[in-house]
Amino acid sequence: MPAEHAITKPRILLSDSTALELADQIAAIFGRDGYVRVSAEAIHAGTADADISFVSRDITSNSTKQNILPSTQYFYDALRAAKDLKWLHVHSAGADRQVFLDLLARGVTVTTSSGASASLVAQTALTGLLSLARRFPQLAAAQRAHEWAPFFKTGLPPDLEGQTATIVGWGPIGQKLGAWLTAIGLNVIVVRQSAESLVDGATVVSFANFENVLPQTDWLLLACPLTTQTTNLVSAQALSRLKPSAHLINVSRGAVVDEQALIDALQHDRLAGAYLDVFAQEPLPVASPLWDLKNVIATPHTAGFSDGILQRMAQMFVQNLARWQRGEALVNIVGKT
C-alpha cells in the first residue's frame, strides 16, 4: 500500500444515513473494527478528524451552488475543518462547487461519481431534443387551449435526418448521445480538447475551432464539465454564429452559457428553441423570462435522477474505497483524464 494510504484505521466522514446504509459494505472492506466512522458534529466539536469523506446526495439535499442550505453548509464546514483529509468523493459527476475547489487547492484528492447518471442525463437530453424537434411545447400549449393545431395548420417541422448535431464534451453522456443521434440519422460533430482524437462516424474539432462549426450546427448539445475553458463558452458571439433555426440543449452547467444572451436570442427569433436543465442561478429566479418562453423547455436540474441513481452514486464511492484499501489508483479523479 502506498505511504499516503498507510492509515491503521481510516477515519471516514459520512452523514448519519449513509453511514448506516453503507456500514456492512465498508466493514467488508476494512473489517468491522478496521475503520472509524466520523460525524460532522465530532469534527465541529474538535474531538475528531477525518482521512476520507463521502458527500452523499442527502448532504447536498436541495442546496444549489448559489443557495446552500444550513445543513449542507454545516457538513462543508466540517470538511474544511478536517485537517487530515486526504480524499473526498462527491456524489455528483462534477466537482465545481467552491468547497470542492478549495479542498483541491489544499491538496485533497477529489473523485466524483461521473458515469453513474450518464445514461439518465443522455436520455433526458435526447428527450428534450426530440420534444423540440417534434414541437411538443407548441402541441402541449394547443392541448391546454383545447385547440386542434395539426402541423398542416401551424407549419411542418423539418426532418431530423440529415441535420447536424454538435456535441460539446465526449464523456459518458456525450458518447451515448453521439451513438443515439447517429442512429437517428444526424451528422455528429464532437468538440474535444484535441482535434487529433478519433470518433467513429463523427467529425472532431478542438475547442479552439468551436465557433467555426456553429454556422452548420442545427443542434448544439452541451455535455461538458464546467472548467475555465468552458465557462461562458456559448457567448453572445457564439450564439450569433448559430442559424436562427438552430436549437440549444444544455445538460452540463448553466455557466457554460451566457444566459442573458441566450434569452435575448430566443426572444428575438435568432434561435429556434432550447431545452435547459441547468441555469446560471439555481433555483431559476421566478422573474426569469425562461419560464414563459414558448420555445423553451426548462427543467429543475433533474436530468440525472431516477429511483436507482442514489445507490449507483454510493456504489461508486464503495468501489473507490476498496481501491483505496488495496492501494490502487482511484477512478474519476478530478483534474486527471
C-alpha atoms as a PDB file:
ATOM      1  CA  MET A   1       0.000   0.000   0.000  1.00  0.00           C
ATOM      2  CA  PRO A   2       1.387   3.478  -0.902  1.00  0.00           C
ATOM      3  CA  ALA A   3       2.649   5.510   2.043  1.00  0.00           C
ATOM      4  CA  GLU A   4      -0.095   8.105   1.646  1.00  0.00           C
ATOM      5  CA  HIS A   5      -2.717   5.366   2.173  1.00  0.00           C
ATOM      6  CA  ALA A   6      -0.929   3.698   5.086  1.00  0.00           C
ATOM      7  CA  ILE A   7      -3.532   4.528   7.728  1.00  0.00           C
ATOM      8  CA  THR A   8      -4.055   1.990  10.517  1.00  0.00           C
ATOM      9  CA  LYS A   9      -7.751   2.768  10.877  1.00  0.00           C
ATOM     10  CA  PRO A  10      -9.056   5.199   8.275  1.00  0.00           C
ATOM     11  CA  ARG A  11     -11.401   7.803   9.692  1.00  0.00           C
ATOM     12  CA  ILE A  12     -14.349   8.243   7.348  1.00  0.00           C
ATOM     13  CA  LEU A  13     -16.629  11.270   7.496  1.00  0.00           C
ATOM     14  CA  LEU A  14     -20.183  10.342   6.443  1.00  0.00           C
ATOM     15  CA  SER A  15     -23.730  11.500   7.011  1.00  0.00           C
ATOM     16  CA  ASP A  16     -25.691   9.509   9.564  1.00  0.00           C
ATOM     17  CA  SER A  17     -27.960   7.891   6.986  1.00  0.00           C
ATOM     18  CA  THR A  18     -25.112   6.994   4.614  1.00  0.00           C
ATOM     19  CA  ALA A  19     -23.023   5.570   7.473  1.00  0.00           C
ATOM     20  CA  LEU A  20     -25.903   3.259   8.337  1.00  0.00           C
ATOM     21  CA  GLU A  21     -26.665   2.357   4.737  1.00  0.00           C
ATOM     22  CA  LEU A  22     -23.062   1.501   3.845  1.00  0.00           C
ATOM     23  CA  ALA A  23     -21.936   0.027   7.176  1.00  0.00           C
ATOM     24  CA  ASP A  24     -21.878  -3.600   6.008  1.00  0.00           C
ATOM     25  CA  GLN A  25     -20.114  -2.787   2.739  1.00  0.00           C
ATOM     26  CA  ILE A  26     -17.452  -0.674   4.432  1.00  0.00           C
ATOM     27  CA  ALA A  27     -16.956  -3.382   7.072  1.00  0.00           C
ATOM     28  CA  ALA A  28     -16.463  -5.911   4.269  1.00  0.00           C
ATOM     29  CA  ILE A  29     -13.573  -3.773   3.016  1.00  0.00           C
ATOM     30  CA  PHE A  30     -11.843  -2.874   6.294  1.00  0.00           C
ATOM     31  CA  GLY A  31     -13.332  -5.269   8.805  1.00  0.00           C
ATOM     32  CA  ARG A  32     -15.982  -4.332  11.354  1.00  0.00           C
ATOM     33  CA  ASP A  33     -13.414  -2.663  13.611  1.00  0.00           C
ATOM     34  CA  GLY A  34     -10.996  -1.707  10.853  1.00  0.00           C
ATOM     35  CA  TYR A  35     -12.230   1.855  10.346  1.00  0.00           C
ATOM     36  CA  VAL A  36     -13.630   4.742  12.373  1.00  0.00           C
ATOM     37  CA  ARG A  37     -16.843   6.401  11.327  1.00  0.00           C
ATOM     38  CA  VAL A  38     -16.652  10.159  11.954  1.00  0.00           C
ATOM     39  CA  SER A  39     -19.553  12.589  12.198  1.00  0.00           C
ATOM     40  CA  ALA A  40     -19.626  16.237  11.216  1.00  0.00           C
ATOM     41  CA  GLU A  41     -20.626  17.033  14.800  1.00  0.00           C
ATOM     42  CA  ALA A  42     -17.446  15.446  16.157  1.00  0.00           C
ATOM     43  CA  ILE A  43     -15.266  17.478  13.809  1.00  0.00           C
ATOM     44  CA  HIS A  44     -17.078  20.687  14.741  1.00  0.00           C
ATOM     45  CA  ALA A  45     -16.558  19.796  18.401  1.00  0.00           C
ATOM     46  CA  GLY A  46     -12.836  19.308  17.784  1.00  0.00           C
ATOM     47  CA  THR A  47     -12.923  15.710  19.046  1.00  0.00           C
ATOM     48  CA  ALA A  48     -12.232  14.005  15.712  1.00  0.00           C
ATOM     49  CA  ASP A  49     -10.602  14.389  12.318  1.00  0.00           C
ATOM     50  CA  ALA A  50     -11.088  12.537   9.035  1.00  0.00           C
ATOM     51  CA  ASP A  51      -8.931  10.983   6.344  1.00  0.00           C
ATOM     52  CA  ILE A  52     -11.726  10.176   3.892  1.00  0.00           C
ATOM     53  CA  SER A  53     -15.175  11.610   3.258  1.00  0.00           C
ATOM     54  CA  PHE A  54     -18.151  10.982   1.002  1.00  0.00           C
ATOM     55  CA  VAL A  55     -20.503  13.856   0.207  1.00  0.00           C
ATOM     56  CA  SER A  56     -23.638  11.810  -0.441  1.00  0.00           C
ATOM     57  CA  ARG A  57     -26.772  13.205  -2.052  1.00  0.00           C
ATOM     58  CA  ASP A  58     -28.590  13.586   1.269  1.00  0.00           C
ATOM     59  CA  ILE A  59     -25.920  16.082   2.351  1.00  0.00           C
ATOM     60  CA  THR A  60     -26.423  18.453  -0.564  1.00  0.00           C
ATOM     61  CA  SER A  61     -30.195  17.900  -0.327  1.00  0.00           C
ATOM     62  CA  ASN A  62     -31.964  20.819  -2.036  1.00  0.00           C
ATOM     63  CA  SER A  63     -28.918  23.058  -1.890  1.00  0.00           C
ATOM     64  CA  THR A  64     -27.576  24.594  -5.076  1.00  0.00           C
ATOM     65  CA  LYS A  65     -24.265  26.225  -5.813  1.00  0.00           C
ATOM     66  CA  GLN A  66     -25.780  29.658  -5.175  1.00  0.00           C
ATOM     67  CA  ASN A  67     -28.186  28.688  -2.377  1.00  0.00           C
ATOM     68  CA  ILE A  68     -26.524  26.475   0.232  1.00  0.00           C
ATOM     69  CA  LEU A  69     -28.835  25.255   2.984  1.00  0.00           C
ATOM     70  CA  PRO A  70     -27.569  25.433   6.602  1.00  0.00           C
ATOM     71  CA  SER A  71     -27.386  21.632   6.937  1.00  0.00           C
ATOM     72  CA  THR A  72     -25.262  21.400   3.806  1.00  0.00           C
ATOM     73  CA  GLN A  73     -23.037  24.249   4.921  1.00  0.00           C
ATOM     74  CA  TYR A  74     -22.541  22.510   8.263  1.00  0.00           C
ATOM     75  CA  PHE A  75     -21.072  19.474   6.509  1.00  0.00           C
ATOM     76  CA  TYR A  76     -18.993  21.653   4.167  1.00  0.00           C
ATOM     77  CA  ASP A  77     -17.542  23.458   7.196  1.00  0.00           C
ATOM     78  CA  ALA A  78     -16.650  20.089   8.712  1.00  0.00           C
ATOM     79  CA  LEU A  79     -14.804  19.177   5.511  1.00  0.00           C
ATOM     80  CA  ARG A  80     -12.801  22.383   5.705  1.00  0.00           C
ATOM     81  CA  ALA A  81     -12.053  21.745   9.374  1.00  0.00           C
ATOM     82  CA  ALA A  82     -10.808  18.199   8.703  1.00  0.00           C
ATOM     83  CA  LYS A  83      -7.079  18.961   8.605  1.00  0.00           C
ATOM     84  CA  ASP A  84      -6.071  15.356   7.862  1.00  0.00           C
ATOM     85  CA  LEU A  85      -8.488  14.923   4.962  1.00  0.00           C
ATOM     86  CA  LYS A  86      -6.741  13.175   2.087  1.00  0.00           C
ATOM     87  CA  TRP A  87      -9.551  12.058  -0.187  1.00  0.00           C
ATOM     88  CA  LEU A  88     -13.079  13.279  -0.824  1.00  0.00           C
ATOM     89  CA  HIS A  89     -15.640  11.538  -3.030  1.00  0.00           C
ATOM     90  CA  VAL A  90     -18.673  13.533  -4.195  1.00  0.00           C
ATOM     91  CA  HIS A  91     -21.939  12.063  -5.414  1.00  0.00           C
ATOM     92  CA  SER A  92     -22.183  14.282  -8.480  1.00  0.00           C
ATOM     93  CA  ALA A  93     -20.458  13.994 -11.844  1.00  0.00           C
ATOM     94  CA  GLY A  94     -18.957  17.463 -11.402  1.00  0.00           C
ATOM     95  CA  ALA A  95     -16.981  18.952  -8.550  1.00  0.00           C
ATOM     96  CA  ASP A  96     -17.263  22.666  -9.315  1.00  0.00           C
ATOM     97  CA  ARG A  97     -18.788  23.827  -6.022  1.00  0.00           C
ATOM     98  CA  GLN A  98     -16.461  26.189  -4.202  1.00  0.00           C
ATOM     99  CA  VAL A  99     -15.836  23.896  -1.236  1.00  0.00           C
ATOM    100  CA  PHE A 100     -14.543  21.170  -3.545  1.00  0.00           C
ATOM    101  CA  LEU A 101     -12.334  23.628  -5.413  1.00  0.00           C
ATOM    102  CA  ASP A 102     -10.943  24.862  -2.092  1.00  0.00           C
ATOM    103  CA  LEU A 103     -10.127  21.317  -0.981  1.00  0.00           C
ATOM    104  CA  LEU A 104      -8.479  20.577  -4.314  1.00  0.00           C
ATOM    105  CA  ALA A 105      -6.323  23.655  -3.880  1.00  0.00           C
ATOM    106  CA  ARG A 106      -5.373  22.345  -0.428  1.00  0.00           C
ATOM    107  CA  GLY A 107      -4.088  19.137  -1.954  1.00  0.00           C
ATOM    108  CA  VAL A 108      -7.039  16.879  -1.178  1.00  0.00           C
ATOM    109  CA  THR A 109      -7.744  14.232  -3.835  1.00  0.00           C
ATOM    110  CA  VAL A 110     -11.312  14.680  -5.088  1.00  0.00           C
ATOM    111  CA  THR A 111     -13.176  11.994  -7.011  1.00  0.00           C
ATOM    112  CA  THR A 112     -16.677  12.038  -8.471  1.00  0.00           C
ATOM    113  CA  SER A 113     -19.465   9.673  -9.398  1.00  0.00           C
ATOM    114  CA  SER A 114     -19.114  10.560 -13.069  1.00  0.00           C
ATOM    115  CA  GLY A 115     -20.908   7.965 -15.152  1.00  0.00           C
ATOM    116  CA  ALA A 116     -23.493   6.993 -12.537  1.00  0.00           C
ATOM    117  CA  SER A 117     -26.133   9.206 -14.123  1.00  0.00           C
ATOM    118  CA  ALA A 118     -24.752   9.344 -17.671  1.00  0.00           C
ATOM    119  CA  SER A 119     -27.451   7.219 -19.250  1.00  0.00           C
ATOM    120  CA  LEU A 120     -30.213   9.166 -17.487  1.00  0.00           C
ATOM    121  CA  VAL A 121     -28.806  12.546 -18.489  1.00  0.00           C
ATOM    122  CA  ALA A 122     -28.327  11.404 -22.073  1.00  0.00           C
ATOM    123  CA  GLN A 123     -31.892  10.061 -22.176  1.00  0.00           C
ATOM    124  CA  THR A 124     -33.198  13.371 -20.857  1.00  0.00           C
ATOM    125  CA  ALA A 125     -31.161  15.399 -23.343  1.00  0.00           C
ATOM    126  CA  LEU A 126     -32.430  13.225 -26.182  1.00  0.00           C
ATOM    127  CA  THR A 127     -35.997  13.623 -24.922  1.00  0.00           C
ATOM    128  CA  GLY A 128     -35.545  17.398 -24.920  1.00  0.00           C
ATOM    129  CA  LEU A 129     -34.150  17.346 -28.442  1.00  0.00           C
ATOM    130  CA  LEU A 130     -36.933  15.139 -29.804  1.00  0.00           C
ATOM    131  CA  SER A 131     -39.595  17.177 -28.000  1.00  0.00           C
ATOM    132  CA  LEU A 132     -38.337  20.376 -29.596  1.00  0.00           C
ATOM    133  CA  ALA A 133     -37.881  18.747 -32.988  1.00  0.00           C
ATOM    134  CA  ARG A 134     -41.463  17.450 -32.935  1.00  0.00           C
ATOM    135  CA  ARG A 135     -42.735  20.744 -31.431  1.00  0.00           C
ATOM    136  CA  PHE A 136     -44.189  19.226 -28.297  1.00  0.00           C
ATOM    137  CA  PRO A 137     -44.193  22.571 -26.397  1.00  0.00           C
ATOM    138  CA  GLN A 138     -46.499  24.066 -29.039  1.00  0.00           C
ATOM    139  CA  LEU A 139     -48.636  20.929 -29.193  1.00  0.00           C
ATOM    140  CA  ALA A 140     -48.939  20.883 -25.389  1.00  0.00           C
ATOM    141  CA  ALA A 141     -49.984  24.552 -25.383  1.00  0.00           C
ATOM    142  CA  ALA A 142     -52.617  23.821 -28.016  1.00  0.00           C
ATOM    143  CA  GLN A 143     -53.873  20.895 -25.943  1.00  0.00           C
ATOM    144  CA  ARG A 144     -54.272  23.096 -22.858  1.00  0.00           C
ATOM    145  CA  ALA A 145     -56.160  25.636 -25.000  1.00  0.00           C
ATOM    146  CA  HIS A 146     -58.404  22.874 -26.430  1.00  0.00           C
ATOM    147  CA  GLU A 147     -57.168  23.888 -29.865  1.00  0.00           C
ATOM    148  CA  TRP A 148     -56.813  21.408 -32.742  1.00  0.00           C
ATOM    149  CA  ALA A 149     -53.492  22.516 -34.226  1.00  0.00           C
ATOM    150  CA  PRO A 150     -52.110  19.965 -36.726  1.00  0.00           C
ATOM    151  CA  PHE A 151     -48.788  20.672 -38.400  1.00  0.00           C
ATOM    152  CA  PHE A 152     -50.507  21.357 -41.714  1.00  0.00           C
ATOM    153  CA  LYS A 153     -52.078  24.325 -39.976  1.00  0.00           C
ATOM    154  CA  THR A 154     -49.071  25.537 -37.966  1.00  0.00           C
ATOM    155  CA  GLY A 155     -46.189  24.625 -40.285  1.00  0.00           C
ATOM    156  CA  LEU A 156     -44.374  21.369 -40.937  1.00  0.00           C
ATOM    157  CA  PRO A 157     -41.284  20.638 -38.810  1.00  0.00           C
ATOM    158  CA  PRO A 158     -38.090  19.751 -40.682  1.00  0.00           C
ATOM    159  CA  ASP A 159     -36.794  16.193 -40.782  1.00  0.00           C
ATOM    160  CA  LEU A 160     -34.146  15.367 -38.204  1.00  0.00           C
ATOM    161  CA  GLU A 161     -32.333  13.022 -40.579  1.00  0.00           C
ATOM    162  CA  GLY A 162     -29.502  14.846 -42.264  1.00  0.00           C
ATOM    163  CA  GLN A 163     -29.305  17.621 -39.660  1.00  0.00           C
ATOM    164  CA  THR A 164     -26.086  18.297 -37.741  1.00  0.00           C
ATOM    165  CA  ALA A 165     -25.643  17.891 -34.000  1.00  0.00           C
ATOM    166  CA  THR A 166     -22.578  19.400 -32.344  1.00  0.00           C
ATOM    167  CA  ILE A 167     -21.821  17.734 -29.015  1.00  0.00           C
ATOM    168  CA  VAL A 168     -19.533  19.604 -26.621  1.00  0.00           C
ATOM    169  CA  GLY A 169     -17.900  17.088 -24.297  1.00  0.00           C
ATOM    170  CA  TRP A 170     -17.183  13.446 -25.061  1.00  0.00           C
ATOM    171  CA  GLY A 171     -17.569  11.796 -21.702  1.00  0.00           C
ATOM    172  CA  PRO A 172     -20.144   9.074 -20.980  1.00  0.00           C
ATOM    173  CA  ILE A 173     -23.070  11.438 -21.686  1.00  0.00           C
ATOM    174  CA  GLY A 174     -21.702  12.788 -24.953  1.00  0.00           C
ATOM    175  CA  GLN A 175     -20.785   9.325 -26.182  1.00  0.00           C
ATOM    176  CA  LYS A 176     -24.287   7.964 -25.593  1.00  0.00           C
ATOM    177  CA  LEU A 177     -25.847  10.962 -27.296  1.00  0.00           C
ATOM    178  CA  GLY A 178     -23.494  10.600 -30.231  1.00  0.00           C
ATOM    179  CA  ALA A 179     -24.470   6.957 -30.734  1.00  0.00           C
ATOM    180  CA  TRP A 180     -28.188   7.641 -30.476  1.00  0.00           C
ATOM    181  CA  LEU A 181     -28.160  10.707 -32.729  1.00  0.00           C
ATOM    182  CA  THR A 182     -26.120   8.859 -35.330  1.00  0.00           C
ATOM    183  CA  ALA A 183     -28.680   6.034 -35.256  1.00  0.00           C
ATOM    184  CA  ILE A 184     -31.470   8.554 -35.839  1.00  0.00           C
ATOM    185  CA  GLY A 185     -29.610   9.851 -38.879  1.00  0.00           C
ATOM    186  CA  LEU A 186     -27.965  13.066 -37.741  1.00  0.00           C
ATOM    187  CA  ASN A 187     -24.446  14.086 -38.648  1.00  0.00           C
ATOM    188  CA  VAL A 188     -22.371  14.439 -35.483  1.00  0.00           C
ATOM    189  CA  ILE A 189     -19.576  16.897 -34.708  1.00  0.00           C
ATOM    190  CA  VAL A 190     -17.688  16.384 -31.453  1.00  0.00           C
ATOM    191  CA  VAL A 191     -15.879  19.197 -29.636  1.00  0.00           C
ATOM    192  CA  ARG A 192     -12.921  17.847 -27.642  1.00  0.00           C
ATOM    193  CA  GLN A 193      -9.639  19.080 -26.263  1.00  0.00           C
ATOM    194  CA  SER A 194      -7.767  17.848 -29.321  1.00  0.00           C
ATOM    195  CA  ALA A 195      -8.915  17.548 -32.917  1.00  0.00           C
ATOM    196  CA  GLU A 196      -6.455  14.664 -33.219  1.00  0.00           C
ATOM    197  CA  SER A 197      -8.859  12.427 -31.282  1.00  0.00           C
ATOM    198  CA  LEU A 198     -10.805   9.984 -33.409  1.00  0.00           C
ATOM    199  CA  VAL A 199     -14.520   9.258 -33.040  1.00  0.00           C
ATOM    200  CA  ASP A 200     -16.096   6.699 -35.331  1.00  0.00           C
ATOM    201  CA  GLY A 201     -18.741   8.244 -37.555  1.00  0.00           C
ATOM    202  CA  ALA A 202     -18.160  11.792 -36.323  1.00  0.00           C
ATOM    203  CA  THR A 203     -16.088  14.850 -37.114  1.00  0.00           C
ATOM    204  CA  VAL A 204     -13.871  16.012 -34.252  1.00  0.00           C
ATOM    205  CA  VAL A 205     -12.824  19.623 -33.668  1.00  0.00           C
ATOM    206  CA  SER A 206     -10.927  21.262 -30.845  1.00  0.00           C
ATOM    207  CA  PHE A 207     -12.312  23.926 -28.528  1.00  0.00           C
ATOM    208  CA  ALA A 208     -10.208  26.431 -30.466  1.00  0.00           C
ATOM    209  CA  ASN A 209     -12.372  25.755 -33.530  1.00  0.00           C
ATOM    210  CA  PHE A 210     -15.690  25.512 -31.655  1.00  0.00           C
ATOM    211  CA  GLU A 211     -17.213  28.648 -33.148  1.00  0.00           C
ATOM    212  CA  ASN A 212     -16.197  27.636 -36.673  1.00  0.00           C
ATOM    213  CA  VAL A 213     -18.671  24.740 -36.722  1.00  0.00           C
ATOM    214  CA  LEU A 214     -21.618  26.687 -35.308  1.00  0.00           C
ATOM    215  CA  PRO A 215     -22.946  28.002 -38.647  1.00  0.00           C
ATOM    216  CA  GLN A 216     -23.553  24.394 -39.783  1.00  0.00           C
ATOM    217  CA  THR A 217     -24.980  23.260 -36.434  1.00  0.00           C
ATOM    218  CA  ASP A 218     -28.696  22.513 -36.078  1.00  0.00           C
ATOM    219  CA  TRP A 219     -28.477  21.147 -32.530  1.00  0.00           C
ATOM    220  CA  LEU A 220     -25.865  22.338 -30.056  1.00  0.00           C
ATOM    221  CA  LEU A 221     -25.678  19.881 -27.159  1.00  0.00           C
ATOM    222  CA  LEU A 222     -23.665  20.794 -24.068  1.00  0.00           C
ATOM    223  CA  ALA A 223     -22.473  17.778 -22.065  1.00  0.00           C
ATOM    224  CA  CYS A 224     -19.149  19.102 -20.779  1.00  0.00           C
ATOM    225  CA  PRO A 225     -17.858  19.790 -17.265  1.00  0.00           C
ATOM    226  CA  LEU A 226     -17.600  23.360 -16.060  1.00  0.00           C
ATOM    227  CA  THR A 227     -13.969  24.460 -16.338  1.00  0.00           C
ATOM    228  CA  THR A 228     -12.144  27.690 -17.018  1.00  0.00           C
ATOM    229  CA  GLN A 229     -12.236  26.743 -20.692  1.00  0.00           C
ATOM    230  CA  THR A 230     -15.968  26.017 -20.835  1.00  0.00           C
ATOM    231  CA  THR A 231     -17.203  28.905 -18.666  1.00  0.00           C
ATOM    232  CA  ASN A 232     -19.192  31.230 -20.954  1.00  0.00           C
ATOM    233  CA  LEU A 233     -18.213  29.044 -23.921  1.00  0.00           C
ATOM    234  CA  VAL A 234     -21.580  29.745 -25.527  1.00  0.00           C
ATOM    235  CA  SER A 235     -21.145  33.507 -25.504  1.00  0.00           C
ATOM    236  CA  ALA A 236     -23.196  36.155 -27.289  1.00  0.00           C
ATOM    237  CA  GLN A 237     -20.736  35.913 -30.147  1.00  0.00           C
ATOM    238  CA  ALA A 238     -21.066  32.128 -30.335  1.00  0.00           C
ATOM    239  CA  LEU A 239     -24.858  32.371 -30.290  1.00  0.00           C
ATOM    240  CA  SER A 240     -24.722  34.877 -33.141  1.00  0.00           C
ATOM    241  CA  ARG A 241     -22.961  32.292 -35.305  1.00  0.00           C
ATOM    242  CA  LEU A 242     -25.797  29.788 -34.957  1.00  0.00           C
ATOM    243  CA  LYS A 243     -28.508  29.930 -37.602  1.00  0.00           C
ATOM    244  CA  PRO A 244     -31.962  31.103 -36.443  1.00  0.00           C
ATOM    245  CA  SER A 245     -33.343  27.579 -36.939  1.00  0.00           C
ATOM    246  CA  ALA A 246     -30.817  26.048 -34.512  1.00  0.00           C
ATOM    247  CA  HIS A 247     -31.587  24.738 -31.017  1.00  0.00           C
ATOM    248  CA  LEU A 248     -29.558  24.520 -27.796  1.00  0.00           C
ATOM    249  CA  ILE A 249     -29.613  21.596 -25.352  1.00  0.00           C
ATOM    250  CA  ASN A 250     -27.825  22.174 -22.025  1.00  0.00           C
ATOM    251  CA  VAL A 251     -27.397  19.352 -19.505  1.00  0.00           C
ATOM    252  CA  SER A 252     -23.933  20.453 -18.337  1.00  0.00           C
ATOM    253  CA  ARG A 253     -23.775  23.603 -16.193  1.00  0.00           C
ATOM    254  CA  GLY A 254     -25.579  26.913 -16.515  1.00  0.00           C
ATOM    255  CA  ALA A 255     -22.369  28.924 -16.530  1.00  0.00           C
ATOM    256  CA  VAL A 256     -21.310  27.321 -19.828  1.00  0.00           C
ATOM    257  CA  VAL A 257     -23.830  29.661 -21.479  1.00  0.00           C
ATOM    258  CA  ASP A 258     -24.208  33.439 -21.394  1.00  0.00           C
ATOM    259  CA  GLU A 259     -27.771  33.154 -20.133  1.00  0.00           C
ATOM    260  CA  GLN A 260     -28.830  36.734 -20.835  1.00  0.00           C
ATOM    261  CA  ALA A 261     -27.505  36.500 -24.394  1.00  0.00           C
ATOM    262  CA  LEU A 262     -29.406  33.217 -24.788  1.00  0.00           C
ATOM    263  CA  ILE A 263     -32.639  34.799 -23.561  1.00  0.00           C
ATOM    264  CA  ASP A 264     -32.164  37.684 -25.981  1.00  0.00           C
ATOM    265  CA  ALA A 265     -31.575  35.304 -28.912  1.00  0.00           C
ATOM    266  CA  LEU A 266     -34.657  33.262 -28.026  1.00  0.00           C
ATOM    267  CA  GLN A 267     -36.855  36.316 -27.570  1.00  0.00           C
ATOM    268  CA  HIS A 268     -35.845  37.820 -30.922  1.00  0.00           C
ATOM    269  CA  ASP A 269     -36.045  34.639 -33.013  1.00  0.00           C
ATOM    270  CA  ARG A 270     -32.308  34.383 -33.510  1.00  0.00           C
ATOM    271  CA  LEU A 271     -32.515  30.884 -32.025  1.00  0.00           C
ATOM    272  CA  ALA A 272     -35.397  28.489 -32.595  1.00  0.00           C
ATOM    273  CA  GLY A 273     -35.531  26.964 -29.124  1.00  0.00           C
ATOM    274  CA  ALA A 274     -33.772  25.423 -26.161  1.00  0.00           C
ATOM    275  CA  TYR A 275     -34.015  22.608 -23.660  1.00  0.00           C
ATOM    276  CA  LEU A 276     -32.354  23.680 -20.400  1.00  0.00           C
ATOM    277  CA  ASP A 277     -31.863  21.591 -17.273  1.00  0.00           C
ATOM    278  CA  VAL A 278     -29.225  23.890 -15.750  1.00  0.00           C
ATOM    279  CA  PHE A 279     -29.096  27.633 -15.225  1.00  0.00           C
ATOM    280  CA  ALA A 280     -26.781  30.463 -14.244  1.00  0.00           C
ATOM    281  CA  GLN A 281     -28.594  30.674 -10.909  1.00  0.00           C
ATOM    282  CA  GLU A 282     -30.458  27.799  -9.322  1.00  0.00           C
ATOM    283  CA  PRO A 283     -33.259  27.703  -8.429  1.00  0.00           C
ATOM    284  CA  LEU A 284     -34.145  29.643 -11.576  1.00  0.00           C
ATOM    285  CA  PRO A 285     -35.407  33.053 -10.407  1.00  0.00           C
ATOM    286  CA  VAL A 286     -39.180  33.452 -10.569  1.00  0.00           C
ATOM    287  CA  ALA A 287     -38.784  36.553 -12.747  1.00  0.00           C
ATOM    288  CA  SER A 288     -36.654  34.810 -15.394  1.00  0.00           C
ATOM    289  CA  PRO A 289     -38.153  35.030 -18.899  1.00  0.00           C
ATOM    290  CA  LEU A 290     -37.086  31.416 -19.457  1.00  0.00           C
ATOM    291  CA  TRP A 291     -40.137  30.209 -17.529  1.00  0.00           C
ATOM    292  CA  ASP A 292     -42.564  31.592 -20.112  1.00  0.00           C
ATOM    293  CA  LEU A 293     -40.806  31.474 -23.466  1.00  0.00           C
ATOM    294  CA  LYS A 294     -42.847  29.289 -25.799  1.00  0.00           C
ATOM    295  CA  ASN A 295     -39.731  27.854 -27.459  1.00  0.00           C
ATOM    296  CA  VAL A 296     -38.070  26.742 -24.194  1.00  0.00           C
ATOM    297  CA  ILE A 297     -38.371  23.586 -22.120  1.00  0.00           C
ATOM    298  CA  ALA A 298     -36.958  24.263 -18.638  1.00  0.00           C
ATOM    299  CA  THR A 299     -36.489  21.554 -16.014  1.00  0.00           C
ATOM    300  CA  PRO A 300     -35.120  21.944 -12.448  1.00  0.00           C
ATOM    301  CA  HIS A 301     -31.710  20.218 -12.766  1.00  0.00           C
ATOM    302  CA  THR A 302     -33.358  16.804 -12.715  1.00  0.00           C
ATOM    303  CA  ALA A 303     -31.821  15.188 -15.808  1.00  0.00           C
ATOM    304  CA  GLY A 304     -29.724  12.710 -13.831  1.00  0.00           C
ATOM    305  CA  PHE A 305     -32.228  11.403 -11.291  1.00  0.00           C
ATOM    306  CA  SER A 306     -34.197   8.187 -11.025  1.00  0.00           C
ATOM    307  CA  ASP A 307     -35.059   5.731  -8.265  1.00  0.00           C
ATOM    308  CA  GLY A 308     -31.762   3.914  -8.810  1.00  0.00           C
ATOM    309  CA  ILE A 309     -29.318   6.792  -9.028  1.00  0.00           C
ATOM    310  CA  LEU A 310     -28.581   7.220  -5.308  1.00  0.00           C
ATOM    311  CA  GLN A 311     -27.473   3.613  -4.998  1.00  0.00           C
ATOM    312  CA  ARG A 312     -25.250   3.893  -8.079  1.00  0.00           C
ATOM    313  CA  MET A 313     -23.607   7.027  -6.684  1.00  0.00           C
ATOM    314  CA  ALA A 314     -22.931   5.334  -3.351  1.00  0.00           C
ATOM    315  CA  GLN A 315     -21.559   2.235  -5.055  1.00  0.00           C
ATOM    316  CA  MET A 316     -19.008   4.312  -6.940  1.00  0.00           C
ATOM    317  CA  PHE A 317     -17.742   5.547  -3.578  1.00  0.00           C
ATOM    318  CA  VAL A 318     -17.651   1.990  -2.186  1.00  0.00           C
ATOM    319  CA  GLN A 319     -15.754   0.733  -5.232  1.00  0.00           C
ATOM    320  CA  ASN A 320     -13.224   3.535  -4.890  1.00  0.00           C
ATOM    321  CA  LEU A 321     -12.961   2.817  -1.168  1.00  0.00           C
ATOM    322  CA  ALA A 322     -11.975  -0.775  -1.960  1.00  0.00           C
ATOM    323  CA  ARG A 323      -9.336   0.534  -4.368  1.00  0.00           C
ATOM    324  CA  TRP A 324      -8.025   2.840  -1.644  1.00  0.00           C
ATOM    325  CA  GLN A 325      -7.749  -0.042   0.796  1.00  0.00           C
ATOM    326  CA  ARG A 326      -5.809  -2.095  -1.767  1.00  0.00           C
ATOM    327  CA  GLY A 327      -3.539   0.834  -2.591  1.00  0.00           C
ATOM    328  CA  GLU A 328      -4.814   1.032  -6.158  1.00  0.00           C
ATOM    329  CA  ALA A 329      -5.423   4.151  -8.228  1.00  0.00           C
ATOM    330  CA  LEU A 330      -8.803   5.779  -7.669  1.00  0.00           C
ATOM    331  CA  VAL A 331     -11.149   6.392 -10.594  1.00  0.00           C
ATOM    332  CA  ASN A 332     -12.764   9.687 -11.620  1.00  0.00           C
ATOM    333  CA  ILE A 333     -10.063  11.835 -10.032  1.00  0.00           C
ATOM    334  CA  VAL A 334     -10.814  15.499 -10.666  1.00  0.00           C
ATOM    335  CA  GLY A 335      -8.135  17.091 -12.807  1.00  0.00           C
ATOM    336  CA  LYS A 336      -6.962  13.795 -14.301  1.00  0.00           C
ATOM    337  CA  THR A 337      -8.157  12.291 -17.575  1.00  0.00           C
END
